[in-house]
Amino acid sequence: MQINHDTRCALDDVVDLLNTAADGETPDSLVSVDDLRAYVERNDVSDVGSLGEADLAAVRAVRERFAQVFAAEETRTAAGLVNALVAEAGTTPQLTDHDGYDWHVHYFAPGASVAQHLAADGGMALAFIIVSGERDRLRRCCAPDCRRAFVDLSRNRSRRYCDSRTCGNRLHVAAYRARQRESAEAEAVRS
């Protein structure tokens, strides 16, 4: 699947935002304005002024709406959610070449809040995924104790875990150890 750099960055922002939510194993990591500021800095979100409690609440609401898109059973439902999200964000496409980046498109209006910024750019990135018929690439980790979001950009759509080095390896090691135990138990029964 071919996606441009801007869309990839916006998808990464969406995934990182989704993964700030509590998931049973980890607590919510977007509970304070300082957490929001750290998210904005980590994702290099541009044109963000001072942040306050209202911004935090609005970004948490955008996070929930992104989660609904990932969880949608049908493409039509996901499309409706994305349409509403970008419309409410006041999407206003603009060409820009700020901060040493080559020309790219921002979808948020000048002076937009951080929540509108994330909703517009992230919503448009999700729209591009839906339009290309690739919504099934919006996934949650298959590890039983992990529900982190990710976008499967592998060529053959085979990615199952949010991080193959952690969740994938952990499950493979657990399966290996289980096989070793079964083999040892079977050997003990035969002896």
N, C-alpha and C. Protein backbone atom coordinates (compact mmCIF):
# COMPACT_ATOMS: atom_id res chain seq x y z
N MET A 1 0.84 -1.17 0.00
CA MET A 1 0.00 0.00 0.00
C MET A 1 0.89 1.23 0.00
N GLN A 2 0.60 2.16 -0.88
CA GLN A 2 1.35 3.40 -0.98
C GLN A 2 0.60 4.50 -0.23
N ILE A 3 1.24 5.06 0.77
CA ILE A 3 0.68 6.24 1.43
C ILE A 3 1.79 7.27 1.53
N ASN A 4 1.43 8.52 1.43
CA ASN A 4 2.47 9.55 1.49
C ASN A 4 2.91 9.80 2.94
N HIS A 5 3.98 10.55 3.04
CA HIS A 5 4.59 10.82 4.35
C HIS A 5 3.61 11.50 5.31
N ASP A 6 2.85 12.47 4.81
CA ASP A 6 1.92 13.21 5.67
C ASP A 6 0.85 12.29 6.24
N THR A 7 0.32 11.43 5.38
CA THR A 7 -0.71 10.50 5.84
C THR A 7 -0.13 9.54 6.86
N ARG A 8 1.07 9.06 6.62
CA ARG A 8 1.74 8.15 7.55
C ARG A 8 1.93 8.81 8.91
N CYS A 9 2.40 10.05 8.89
CA CYS A 9 2.59 10.78 10.15
C CYS A 9 1.26 10.96 10.89
N ALA A 10 0.21 11.31 10.16
CA ALA A 10 -1.11 11.49 10.79
C ALA A 10 -1.62 10.18 11.35
N LEU A 11 -1.41 9.07 10.62
CA LEU A 11 -1.82 7.76 11.13
C LEU A 11 -1.03 7.39 12.39
N ASP A 12 0.25 7.70 12.40
CA ASP A 12 1.07 7.45 13.59
C ASP A 12 0.55 8.26 14.77
N ASP A 13 0.14 9.50 14.53
CA ASP A 13 -0.42 10.33 15.59
C ASP A 13 -1.72 9.72 16.13
N VAL A 14 -2.57 9.23 15.21
CA VAL A 14 -3.83 8.60 15.61
C VAL A 14 -3.55 7.38 16.48
N VAL A 15 -2.63 6.53 16.03
CA VAL A 15 -2.30 5.31 16.78
C VAL A 15 -1.73 5.66 18.15
N ASP A 16 -0.82 6.62 18.19
CA ASP A 16 -0.24 7.01 19.48
C ASP A 16 -1.33 7.56 20.40
N LEU A 17 -2.24 8.35 19.85
CA LEU A 17 -3.33 8.88 20.68
C LEU A 17 -4.21 7.74 21.20
N LEU A 18 -4.57 6.81 20.34
CA LEU A 18 -5.38 5.66 20.76
C LEU A 18 -4.69 4.87 21.86
N ASN A 19 -3.38 4.74 21.75
CA ASN A 19 -2.64 3.92 22.70
C ASN A 19 -2.34 4.63 24.02
N THR A 20 -2.84 5.87 24.17
CA THR A 20 -2.76 6.52 25.48
C THR A 20 -3.90 6.08 26.38
N ALA A 21 -4.93 5.46 25.80
CA ALA A 21 -6.10 5.04 26.58
C ALA A 21 -5.75 3.82 27.44
N ALA A 22 -6.41 3.70 28.57
CA ALA A 22 -6.24 2.54 29.43
C ALA A 22 -6.68 1.29 28.67
N ASP A 23 -5.97 0.19 28.89
CA ASP A 23 -6.33 -1.03 28.17
C ASP A 23 -6.38 -2.26 29.06
N GLY A 24 -6.56 -2.09 30.33
CA GLY A 24 -6.62 -3.23 31.23
C GLY A 24 -5.27 -3.51 31.87
N GLU A 25 -4.22 -3.47 31.09
CA GLU A 25 -2.86 -3.68 31.59
C GLU A 25 -2.19 -2.37 31.96
N THR A 26 -2.43 -1.35 31.18
CA THR A 26 -1.78 -0.06 31.42
C THR A 26 -2.83 1.01 31.69
N PRO A 27 -2.51 1.94 32.57
CA PRO A 27 -3.46 3.02 32.86
C PRO A 27 -3.49 4.05 31.74
N ASP A 28 -4.50 4.89 31.74
CA ASP A 28 -4.62 5.99 30.79
C ASP A 28 -3.41 6.89 30.97
N SER A 29 -2.75 7.23 29.88
CA SER A 29 -1.58 8.12 29.97
C SER A 29 -1.85 9.50 29.39
N LEU A 30 -3.14 9.84 29.29
CA LEU A 30 -3.53 11.18 28.84
C LEU A 30 -4.55 11.72 29.84
N VAL A 31 -4.06 12.02 31.03
CA VAL A 31 -4.96 12.46 32.10
C VAL A 31 -4.69 13.88 32.58
N SER A 32 -3.59 14.47 32.12
CA SER A 32 -3.27 15.83 32.56
C SER A 32 -2.84 16.66 31.37
N VAL A 33 -2.81 17.96 31.57
CA VAL A 33 -2.34 18.88 30.52
C VAL A 33 -0.87 18.58 30.21
N ASP A 34 -0.10 18.20 31.22
CA ASP A 34 1.30 17.83 30.97
C ASP A 34 1.39 16.60 30.08
N ASP A 35 0.48 15.63 30.28
CA ASP A 35 0.44 14.45 29.40
C ASP A 35 0.12 14.86 27.97
N LEU A 36 -0.82 15.78 27.81
CA LEU A 36 -1.18 16.27 26.48
C LEU A 36 0.01 16.98 25.85
N ARG A 37 0.68 17.81 26.63
CA ARG A 37 1.86 18.53 26.12
C ARG A 37 2.92 17.52 25.67
N ALA A 38 3.13 16.46 26.44
CA ALA A 38 4.11 15.43 26.07
C ALA A 38 3.70 14.74 24.77
N TYR A 39 2.42 14.46 24.62
CA TYR A 39 1.92 13.85 23.37
C TYR A 39 2.19 14.78 22.19
N VAL A 40 1.87 16.05 22.33
CA VAL A 40 2.07 17.04 21.26
C VAL A 40 3.55 17.12 20.89
N GLU A 41 4.42 17.15 21.88
CA GLU A 41 5.86 17.23 21.61
C GLU A 41 6.38 15.93 20.98
N ARG A 42 5.94 14.80 21.50
CA ARG A 42 6.38 13.49 20.99
C ARG A 42 6.00 13.31 19.52
N ASN A 43 4.84 13.83 19.15
CA ASN A 43 4.35 13.67 17.79
C ASN A 43 4.61 14.89 16.91
N ASP A 44 5.34 15.86 17.44
CA ASP A 44 5.70 17.04 16.68
C ASP A 44 4.48 17.70 16.04
N VAL A 45 3.41 17.83 16.83
CA VAL A 45 2.17 18.46 16.34
C VAL A 45 2.44 19.96 16.25
N SER A 46 2.26 20.51 15.04
CA SER A 46 2.61 21.91 14.81
C SER A 46 1.44 22.85 15.09
N ASP A 47 1.76 24.13 15.18
CA ASP A 47 0.76 25.18 15.34
C ASP A 47 -0.15 24.99 16.55
N VAL A 48 0.44 24.56 17.65
CA VAL A 48 -0.32 24.37 18.88
C VAL A 48 0.10 25.46 19.86
N GLY A 49 -0.86 26.22 20.30
CA GLY A 49 -0.58 27.27 21.27
C GLY A 49 -0.53 26.71 22.67
N SER A 50 -0.91 27.53 23.63
CA SER A 50 -0.93 27.06 25.01
C SER A 50 -2.06 26.04 25.16
N LEU A 51 -1.83 25.09 26.04
CA LEU A 51 -2.79 24.01 26.25
C LEU A 51 -3.42 24.13 27.63
N GLY A 52 -4.70 23.77 27.72
CA GLY A 52 -5.41 23.82 28.99
C GLY A 52 -6.31 22.62 29.17
N GLU A 53 -7.08 22.64 30.24
CA GLU A 53 -7.98 21.54 30.57
C GLU A 53 -9.03 21.30 29.47
N ALA A 54 -9.51 22.38 28.85
CA ALA A 54 -10.50 22.22 27.77
C ALA A 54 -9.88 21.47 26.59
N ASP A 55 -8.60 21.75 26.30
CA ASP A 55 -7.91 21.04 25.22
C ASP A 55 -7.78 19.56 25.56
N LEU A 56 -7.44 19.28 26.80
CA LEU A 56 -7.30 17.89 27.23
C LEU A 56 -8.62 17.14 27.05
N ALA A 57 -9.71 17.72 27.51
CA ALA A 57 -11.02 17.08 27.37
C ALA A 57 -11.38 16.88 25.90
N ALA A 58 -11.11 17.88 25.07
CA ALA A 58 -11.44 17.78 23.64
C ALA A 58 -10.60 16.72 22.95
N VAL A 59 -9.32 16.62 23.27
CA VAL A 59 -8.46 15.60 22.66
C VAL A 59 -8.88 14.22 23.12
N ARG A 60 -9.25 14.07 24.37
CA ARG A 60 -9.74 12.77 24.86
C ARG A 60 -11.02 12.37 24.11
N ALA A 61 -11.87 13.35 23.79
CA ALA A 61 -13.08 13.05 23.02
C ALA A 61 -12.73 12.64 21.59
N VAL A 62 -11.74 13.28 20.98
CA VAL A 62 -11.27 12.88 19.64
C VAL A 62 -10.71 11.47 19.70
N ARG A 63 -9.98 11.17 20.75
CA ARG A 63 -9.42 9.82 20.93
C ARG A 63 -10.54 8.77 20.92
N GLU A 64 -11.62 9.06 21.62
CA GLU A 64 -12.76 8.12 21.66
C GLU A 64 -13.37 7.95 20.27
N ARG A 65 -13.43 9.02 19.52
CA ARG A 65 -14.01 8.93 18.18
C ARG A 65 -13.10 8.14 17.24
N PHE A 66 -11.79 8.31 17.37
CA PHE A 66 -10.86 7.48 16.59
C PHE A 66 -11.04 6.00 16.97
N ALA A 67 -11.22 5.74 18.26
CA ALA A 67 -11.42 4.35 18.71
C ALA A 67 -12.69 3.76 18.08
N GLN A 68 -13.72 4.57 17.94
CA GLN A 68 -14.95 4.09 17.30
C GLN A 68 -14.71 3.74 15.83
N VAL A 69 -13.87 4.51 15.15
CA VAL A 69 -13.54 4.19 13.75
C VAL A 69 -12.83 2.85 13.68
N PHE A 70 -11.85 2.63 14.56
CA PHE A 70 -11.11 1.36 14.58
C PHE A 70 -12.04 0.20 14.90
N ALA A 71 -13.03 0.43 15.74
CA ALA A 71 -13.93 -0.64 16.18
C ALA A 71 -15.12 -0.86 15.26
N ALA A 72 -15.34 0.02 14.32
CA ALA A 72 -16.52 -0.07 13.45
C ALA A 72 -16.57 -1.42 12.74
N GLU A 73 -17.74 -2.02 12.76
CA GLU A 73 -17.93 -3.32 12.10
C GLU A 73 -18.00 -3.20 10.59
N GLU A 74 -18.53 -2.10 10.10
CA GLU A 74 -18.74 -1.93 8.67
C GLU A 74 -18.05 -0.66 8.17
N THR A 75 -17.63 -0.70 6.93
CA THR A 75 -16.98 0.45 6.32
C THR A 75 -17.90 1.65 6.29
N ARG A 76 -19.18 1.45 6.00
CA ARG A 76 -20.13 2.56 5.95
C ARG A 76 -20.19 3.26 7.31
N THR A 77 -20.17 2.50 8.38
CA THR A 77 -20.18 3.10 9.72
C THR A 77 -18.90 3.89 9.96
N ALA A 78 -17.75 3.29 9.61
CA ALA A 78 -16.46 3.98 9.78
C ALA A 78 -16.44 5.27 8.96
N ALA A 79 -16.93 5.20 7.74
CA ALA A 79 -16.95 6.38 6.88
C ALA A 79 -17.82 7.49 7.48
N GLY A 80 -18.97 7.13 8.01
CA GLY A 80 -19.83 8.12 8.65
C GLY A 80 -19.17 8.77 9.84
N LEU A 81 -18.46 7.98 10.62
CA LEU A 81 -17.74 8.52 11.78
C LEU A 81 -16.64 9.48 11.34
N VAL A 82 -15.90 9.10 10.32
CA VAL A 82 -14.82 9.96 9.82
C VAL A 82 -15.40 11.23 9.21
N ASN A 83 -16.48 11.10 8.42
CA ASN A 83 -17.11 12.29 7.83
C ASN A 83 -17.52 13.29 8.90
N ALA A 84 -18.15 12.80 9.96
CA ALA A 84 -18.58 13.70 11.03
C ALA A 84 -17.38 14.34 11.73
N LEU A 85 -16.36 13.57 11.96
CA LEU A 85 -15.16 14.05 12.65
C LEU A 85 -14.49 15.18 11.87
N VAL A 86 -14.25 14.97 10.58
CA VAL A 86 -13.56 16.01 9.80
C VAL A 86 -14.45 17.23 9.55
N ALA A 87 -15.74 17.02 9.43
CA ALA A 87 -16.65 18.15 9.24
C ALA A 87 -16.67 19.03 10.49
N GLU A 88 -16.77 18.40 11.64
CA GLU A 88 -16.81 19.16 12.90
C GLU A 88 -15.48 19.86 13.18
N ALA A 89 -14.39 19.33 12.63
CA ALA A 89 -13.08 19.94 12.84
C ALA A 89 -12.87 21.17 11.97
N GLY A 90 -13.80 21.43 11.05
CA GLY A 90 -13.65 22.58 10.17
C GLY A 90 -12.48 22.39 9.21
N THR A 91 -12.43 21.25 8.60
CA THR A 91 -11.32 20.90 7.71
C THR A 91 -11.14 21.95 6.62
N THR A 92 -9.91 22.44 6.51
CA THR A 92 -9.56 23.47 5.54
C THR A 92 -8.18 23.13 4.95
N PRO A 93 -8.12 22.35 3.87
CA PRO A 93 -6.82 21.95 3.32
C PRO A 93 -5.97 23.16 2.93
N GLN A 94 -4.68 23.09 3.31
CA GLN A 94 -3.74 24.15 2.98
C GLN A 94 -2.37 23.54 2.71
N LEU A 95 -1.70 24.01 1.67
CA LEU A 95 -0.33 23.61 1.41
C LEU A 95 0.60 24.39 2.33
N THR A 96 1.61 23.71 2.87
CA THR A 96 2.56 24.36 3.77
C THR A 96 3.92 23.69 3.65
N ASP A 97 4.97 24.40 4.01
CA ASP A 97 6.33 23.85 4.01
C ASP A 97 7.10 24.34 5.24
N HIS A 98 6.51 24.19 6.38
CA HIS A 98 7.07 24.72 7.63
C HIS A 98 8.14 23.80 8.23
N ASP A 99 8.91 24.35 9.13
CA ASP A 99 9.86 23.64 9.98
C ASP A 99 10.79 22.69 9.22
N GLY A 100 11.20 23.06 8.03
CA GLY A 100 12.13 22.24 7.27
C GLY A 100 11.51 21.06 6.54
N TYR A 101 10.20 20.91 6.61
CA TYR A 101 9.53 19.84 5.88
C TYR A 101 9.20 20.33 4.48
N ASP A 102 9.23 19.42 3.51
CA ASP A 102 8.87 19.77 2.15
C ASP A 102 7.38 20.10 2.10
N TRP A 103 6.88 20.49 0.95
CA TRP A 103 5.47 20.83 0.80
C TRP A 103 4.59 19.65 1.18
N HIS A 104 3.58 19.95 1.96
CA HIS A 104 2.61 18.95 2.38
C HIS A 104 1.29 19.65 2.69
N VAL A 105 0.26 18.86 2.96
CA VAL A 105 -1.07 19.41 3.20
C VAL A 105 -1.43 19.29 4.67
N HIS A 106 -1.88 20.40 5.24
CA HIS A 106 -2.52 20.39 6.55
C HIS A 106 -4.01 20.53 6.28
N TYR A 107 -4.80 19.83 7.06
CA TYR A 107 -6.25 19.87 6.85
C TYR A 107 -6.96 20.72 7.90
N PHE A 108 -6.24 21.15 8.92
CA PHE A 108 -6.88 21.95 9.97
C PHE A 108 -6.83 23.43 9.58
N ALA A 109 -7.83 24.16 10.04
CA ALA A 109 -7.92 25.59 9.75
C ALA A 109 -6.90 26.36 10.58
N PRO A 110 -6.43 27.50 10.07
CA PRO A 110 -5.54 28.34 10.88
C PRO A 110 -6.21 28.69 12.20
N GLY A 111 -5.45 28.62 13.26
CA GLY A 111 -5.98 28.93 14.58
C GLY A 111 -6.79 27.80 15.20
N ALA A 112 -6.77 26.63 14.59
CA ALA A 112 -7.53 25.49 15.12
C ALA A 112 -6.96 25.04 16.47
N SER A 113 -7.82 24.50 17.29
CA SER A 113 -7.36 23.93 18.56
C SER A 113 -6.60 22.65 18.27
N VAL A 114 -5.89 22.16 19.26
CA VAL A 114 -5.14 20.91 19.07
C VAL A 114 -6.10 19.76 18.75
N ALA A 115 -7.28 19.73 19.35
CA ALA A 115 -8.25 18.67 19.06
C ALA A 115 -8.75 18.77 17.63
N GLN A 116 -9.03 19.99 17.16
CA GLN A 116 -9.46 20.16 15.76
C GLN A 116 -8.34 19.76 14.80
N HIS A 117 -7.11 20.12 15.17
CA HIS A 117 -5.95 19.76 14.37
C HIS A 117 -5.86 18.24 14.23
N LEU A 118 -5.92 17.52 15.34
CA LEU A 118 -5.82 16.05 15.32
C LEU A 118 -7.01 15.43 14.60
N ALA A 119 -8.20 15.96 14.84
CA ALA A 119 -9.40 15.42 14.18
C ALA A 119 -9.33 15.61 12.67
N ALA A 120 -8.89 16.78 12.23
CA ALA A 120 -8.82 17.05 10.79
C ALA A 120 -7.74 16.21 10.11
N ASP A 121 -6.50 16.28 10.60
CA ASP A 121 -5.41 15.54 9.95
C ASP A 121 -5.57 14.03 10.13
N GLY A 122 -5.89 13.60 11.34
CA GLY A 122 -6.09 12.17 11.59
C GLY A 122 -7.32 11.64 10.87
N GLY A 123 -8.38 12.41 10.87
CA GLY A 123 -9.59 12.00 10.17
C GLY A 123 -9.37 11.86 8.68
N MET A 124 -8.63 12.79 8.09
CA MET A 124 -8.34 12.69 6.65
C MET A 124 -7.44 11.50 6.36
N ALA A 125 -6.49 11.21 7.21
CA ALA A 125 -5.63 10.03 7.02
C ALA A 125 -6.47 8.76 7.06
N LEU A 126 -7.40 8.70 8.01
CA LEU A 126 -8.30 7.53 8.09
C LEU A 126 -9.21 7.49 6.86
N ALA A 127 -9.62 8.65 6.37
CA ALA A 127 -10.44 8.69 5.16
C ALA A 127 -9.68 8.11 3.97
N PHE A 128 -8.39 8.42 3.85
CA PHE A 128 -7.59 7.88 2.75
C PHE A 128 -7.48 6.36 2.85
N ILE A 129 -7.38 5.85 4.06
CA ILE A 129 -7.32 4.39 4.25
C ILE A 129 -8.65 3.76 3.80
N ILE A 130 -9.76 4.38 4.18
CA ILE A 130 -11.08 3.85 3.81
C ILE A 130 -11.27 3.92 2.29
N VAL A 131 -10.94 5.06 1.69
CA VAL A 131 -11.12 5.25 0.25
C VAL A 131 -10.31 4.22 -0.54
N SER A 132 -9.14 3.87 -0.04
CA SER A 132 -8.29 2.92 -0.76
C SER A 132 -8.72 1.48 -0.54
N GLY A 133 -9.80 1.28 0.23
CA GLY A 133 -10.29 -0.08 0.48
C GLY A 133 -9.42 -0.86 1.45
N GLU A 134 -8.71 -0.16 2.30
CA GLU A 134 -7.75 -0.79 3.21
C GLU A 134 -8.13 -0.67 4.68
N ARG A 135 -9.40 -0.50 4.98
CA ARG A 135 -9.82 -0.32 6.37
C ARG A 135 -9.43 -1.48 7.26
N ASP A 136 -9.29 -2.68 6.67
CA ASP A 136 -8.91 -3.84 7.48
C ASP A 136 -7.48 -3.72 8.01
N ARG A 137 -6.73 -2.72 7.58
CA ARG A 137 -5.39 -2.50 8.10
C ARG A 137 -5.42 -1.77 9.45
N LEU A 138 -6.56 -1.23 9.84
CA LEU A 138 -6.72 -0.59 11.15
C LEU A 138 -6.99 -1.69 12.15
N ARG A 139 -6.04 -1.98 13.00
CA ARG A 139 -6.13 -3.17 13.85
C ARG A 139 -5.83 -2.90 15.31
N ARG A 140 -6.17 -3.90 16.08
CA ARG A 140 -5.78 -3.98 17.49
C ARG A 140 -4.90 -5.21 17.65
N CYS A 141 -3.95 -5.16 18.57
CA CYS A 141 -3.01 -6.24 18.80
C CYS A 141 -3.75 -7.53 19.14
N CYS A 142 -3.27 -8.65 18.60
CA CYS A 142 -3.89 -9.96 18.84
C CYS A 142 -3.43 -10.63 20.12
N ALA A 143 -2.44 -10.04 20.79
CA ALA A 143 -2.00 -10.62 22.07
C ALA A 143 -3.16 -10.53 23.06
N PRO A 144 -3.43 -11.61 23.80
CA PRO A 144 -4.60 -11.63 24.67
C PRO A 144 -4.61 -10.54 25.75
N ASP A 145 -3.44 -10.09 26.17
CA ASP A 145 -3.39 -9.08 27.23
C ASP A 145 -3.03 -7.69 26.70
N CYS A 146 -3.19 -7.50 25.40
CA CYS A 146 -2.84 -6.21 24.78
C CYS A 146 -3.91 -5.85 23.76
N ARG A 147 -4.36 -4.62 23.81
CA ARG A 147 -5.35 -4.14 22.82
C ARG A 147 -4.86 -2.86 22.15
N ARG A 148 -3.53 -2.69 22.10
CA ARG A 148 -2.98 -1.49 21.47
C ARG A 148 -3.35 -1.45 19.99
N ALA A 149 -3.56 -0.24 19.51
CA ALA A 149 -3.90 -0.03 18.10
C ALA A 149 -2.63 0.01 17.26
N PHE A 150 -2.78 -0.34 15.99
CA PHE A 150 -1.72 -0.15 15.01
C PHE A 150 -2.33 -0.17 13.62
N VAL A 151 -1.58 0.31 12.66
CA VAL A 151 -1.98 0.26 11.25
C VAL A 151 -1.03 -0.72 10.58
N ASP A 152 -1.57 -1.79 10.05
CA ASP A 152 -0.76 -2.82 9.39
C ASP A 152 -0.40 -2.34 7.99
N LEU A 153 0.83 -1.91 7.84
CA LEU A 153 1.30 -1.45 6.53
C LEU A 153 2.20 -2.49 5.86
N SER A 154 2.15 -3.72 6.38
CA SER A 154 2.95 -4.78 5.75
C SER A 154 2.39 -5.09 4.37
N ARG A 155 3.25 -5.53 3.50
CA ARG A 155 2.86 -5.79 2.12
C ARG A 155 1.74 -6.81 2.03
N ASN A 156 1.82 -7.86 2.85
CA ASN A 156 0.83 -8.94 2.75
C ASN A 156 -0.23 -8.91 3.84
N ARG A 157 -0.34 -7.80 4.54
CA ARG A 157 -1.35 -7.62 5.59
C ARG A 157 -1.29 -8.71 6.66
N SER A 158 -0.10 -9.09 7.05
CA SER A 158 0.05 -10.22 7.96
C SER A 158 0.38 -9.83 9.40
N ARG A 159 0.54 -8.56 9.66
CA ARG A 159 0.92 -8.13 11.01
C ARG A 159 -0.21 -8.41 11.98
N ARG A 160 0.12 -9.02 13.12
CA ARG A 160 -0.89 -9.38 14.11
C ARG A 160 -0.69 -8.67 15.46
N TYR A 161 0.52 -8.19 15.68
CA TYR A 161 0.85 -7.62 16.99
C TYR A 161 1.27 -6.16 16.86
N CYS A 162 1.02 -5.40 17.91
CA CYS A 162 1.39 -3.98 17.90
C CYS A 162 2.90 -3.84 17.76
N ASP A 163 3.63 -4.77 18.34
CA ASP A 163 5.09 -4.75 18.27
C ASP A 163 5.57 -6.18 18.30
N SER A 164 6.16 -6.63 17.21
CA SER A 164 6.58 -8.03 17.14
C SER A 164 7.69 -8.33 18.14
N ARG A 165 8.45 -7.32 18.54
CA ARG A 165 9.54 -7.55 19.50
C ARG A 165 9.02 -7.76 20.92
N THR A 166 7.87 -7.20 21.23
CA THR A 166 7.36 -7.37 22.59
C THR A 166 6.22 -8.38 22.59
N CYS A 167 5.07 -8.00 22.10
CA CYS A 167 3.91 -8.89 22.14
C CYS A 167 4.14 -10.16 21.33
N GLY A 168 4.64 -10.04 20.12
CA GLY A 168 4.86 -11.20 19.28
C GLY A 168 5.86 -12.17 19.88
N ASN A 169 7.01 -11.67 20.29
CA ASN A 169 8.03 -12.53 20.89
C ASN A 169 7.55 -13.14 22.19
N ARG A 170 6.87 -12.34 23.00
CA ARG A 170 6.38 -12.85 24.29
C ARG A 170 5.45 -14.04 24.07
N LEU A 171 4.54 -13.94 23.10
CA LEU A 171 3.62 -15.04 22.83
C LEU A 171 4.32 -16.25 22.23
N HIS A 172 5.30 -16.00 21.36
CA HIS A 172 6.04 -17.11 20.78
C HIS A 172 6.87 -17.84 21.84
N VAL A 173 7.48 -17.10 22.74
CA VAL A 173 8.25 -17.72 23.83
C VAL A 173 7.31 -18.51 24.75
N ALA A 174 6.15 -17.96 25.07
CA ALA A 174 5.19 -18.67 25.91
C ALA A 174 4.73 -19.96 25.24
N ALA A 175 4.47 -19.92 23.94
CA ALA A 175 4.06 -21.13 23.22
C ALA A 175 5.19 -22.16 23.21
N TYR A 176 6.42 -21.70 23.01
CA TYR A 176 7.57 -22.61 23.03
C TYR A 176 7.70 -23.28 24.39
N ARG A 177 7.59 -22.48 25.45
CA ARG A 177 7.71 -23.05 26.81
C ARG A 177 6.58 -24.03 27.10
N ALA A 178 5.38 -23.73 26.62
CA ALA A 178 4.26 -24.65 26.81
C ALA A 178 4.53 -25.96 26.09
N ARG A 179 5.07 -25.90 24.89
CA ARG A 179 5.41 -27.13 24.16
C ARG A 179 6.49 -27.91 24.89
N GLN A 180 7.45 -27.20 25.45
CA GLN A 180 8.52 -27.87 26.19
C GLN A 180 7.95 -28.57 27.43
N ARG A 181 7.04 -27.89 28.14
CA ARG A 181 6.41 -28.50 29.32
C ARG A 181 5.63 -29.74 28.93
N GLU A 182 4.84 -29.63 27.86
CA GLU A 182 4.04 -30.78 27.40
C GLU A 182 4.94 -31.95 27.02
N SER A 183 6.03 -31.65 26.37
CA SER A 183 6.97 -32.70 25.98
C SER A 183 7.59 -33.35 27.21
N ALA A 184 7.96 -32.54 28.19
CA ALA A 184 8.56 -33.07 29.42
C ALA A 184 7.54 -33.90 30.19
N GLU A 185 6.30 -33.42 30.23
CA GLU A 185 5.24 -34.17 30.93
C GLU A 185 4.95 -35.49 30.22
N ALA A 186 4.93 -35.48 28.90
CA ALA A 186 4.71 -36.71 28.14
C ALA A 186 5.85 -37.69 28.36
N GLU A 187 7.07 -37.19 28.41
CA GLU A 187 8.24 -38.03 28.66
C GLU A 187 8.18 -38.64 30.06
N ALA A 188 7.73 -37.83 31.04
CA ALA A 188 7.62 -38.32 32.44
C ALA A 188 6.57 -39.43 32.53
N VAL A 189 5.46 -39.31 31.77
CA VAL A 189 4.40 -40.31 31.80
C VAL A 189 4.93 -41.62 31.20
N ARG A 190 5.72 -41.53 30.13
CA ARG A 190 6.27 -42.71 29.47
C ARG A 190 7.31 -43.41 30.34
N SER A 191 7.96 -42.68 31.23
CA SER A 191 9.05 -43.26 32.03
C SER A 191 8.57 -44.03 33.22
